[in-house]
């Protein structure tokens, strides 16, 4: 199991989770609800890929997501 993405906005982590699941990767979110507290309890949500073999593919898909996000419509 490897960490592939983290953010303080849980909606973005959820979006990334859906993208990876649509590609057939098994993922899990950690600290999903921890970001709503006050320091030191406000942790970023983390997206983990369950299979180490899927790590490179996950990173590539998330890089594509970030590239698409920056394009003009």
Protein backbone atom coordinates (compact mmCIF):
# COMPACT_ATOMS: atom_id res chain seq x y z
CA UNK A 1 0.00 0.00 0.00
CA UNK A 2 1.42 3.38 -1.04
CA UNK A 3 0.37 6.99 -0.62
CA UNK A 4 -0.40 8.59 -3.99
CA UNK A 5 -2.21 11.84 -3.13
CA UNK A 6 -3.00 14.08 -0.20
CA UNK A 7 -4.85 17.35 0.15
CA UNK A 8 -6.65 19.37 2.81
CA UNK A 9 -9.71 19.54 0.53
CA UNK A 10 -11.45 16.17 0.92
CA UNK A 11 -13.54 16.83 -2.21
CA UNK A 12 -10.38 16.82 -4.35
CA UNK A 13 -9.24 13.61 -2.71
CA UNK A 14 -12.65 12.10 -3.47
CA UNK A 15 -12.36 13.21 -7.09
CA UNK A 16 -8.93 11.60 -7.36
CA UNK A 17 -10.32 8.43 -5.76
CA UNK A 18 -13.06 8.23 -8.38
CA UNK A 19 -10.58 8.73 -11.20
CA UNK A 20 -8.38 5.90 -9.97
CA UNK A 21 -11.31 3.58 -9.30
CA UNK A 22 -12.64 4.24 -12.82
CA UNK A 23 -9.24 3.07 -14.09
CA UNK A 24 -9.67 -0.18 -12.15
CA UNK A 25 -7.31 0.58 -9.27
CA UNK A 26 -8.16 -0.32 -5.69
CA UNK A 27 -7.71 2.66 -3.39
CA UNK A 28 -8.62 3.78 0.10
CA UNK A 29 -8.92 7.19 1.76
CA UNK A 30 -7.35 7.78 5.16
CA UNK A 31 -8.02 10.77 7.44
CA UNK A 32 -11.17 11.49 5.43
CA UNK A 33 -12.85 13.40 8.24
CA UNK A 34 -9.78 14.56 10.16
CA UNK A 35 -9.41 17.80 8.19
CA UNK A 36 -12.38 19.42 9.90
CA UNK A 37 -10.70 19.88 13.29
CA UNK A 38 -8.41 22.52 14.70
CA UNK A 39 -4.64 22.15 14.97
CA UNK A 40 -3.11 19.72 15.72
CA UNK A 41 -6.14 17.60 14.73
CA UNK A 42 -6.63 18.92 11.20
CA UNK A 43 -4.85 16.39 9.01
CA UNK A 44 -4.92 16.20 5.26
CA UNK A 45 -7.00 13.48 3.63
CA UNK A 46 -4.77 10.85 2.04
CA UNK A 47 -5.40 8.58 -0.93
CA UNK A 48 -3.58 5.25 -0.85
CA UNK A 49 -3.33 2.68 -3.64
CA UNK A 50 -3.65 -0.84 -2.22
CA UNK A 51 -1.35 -2.59 -4.69
CA UNK A 52 2.24 -1.36 -4.89
CA UNK A 53 2.27 -2.45 -8.55
CA UNK A 54 -0.44 0.13 -9.33
CA UNK A 55 1.52 3.04 -7.84
CA UNK A 56 3.15 4.30 -11.08
CA UNK A 57 -0.13 4.10 -13.00
CA UNK A 58 -1.92 6.00 -10.22
CA UNK A 59 0.70 8.74 -10.18
CA UNK A 60 0.46 9.06 -13.96
CA UNK A 61 -3.34 9.28 -13.91
CA UNK A 62 -3.27 11.93 -11.20
CA UNK A 63 -0.65 13.93 -13.13
CA UNK A 64 -3.01 13.84 -16.12
CA UNK A 65 -5.83 15.08 -13.88
CA UNK A 66 -3.73 18.05 -12.80
CA UNK A 67 -2.78 18.82 -16.41
CA UNK A 68 -6.41 18.71 -17.57
CA UNK A 69 -7.41 20.98 -14.68
CA UNK A 70 -5.15 23.75 -15.97
CA UNK A 71 -6.40 23.72 -19.59
CA UNK A 72 -8.61 26.46 -20.94
CA UNK A 73 -12.11 25.42 -22.02
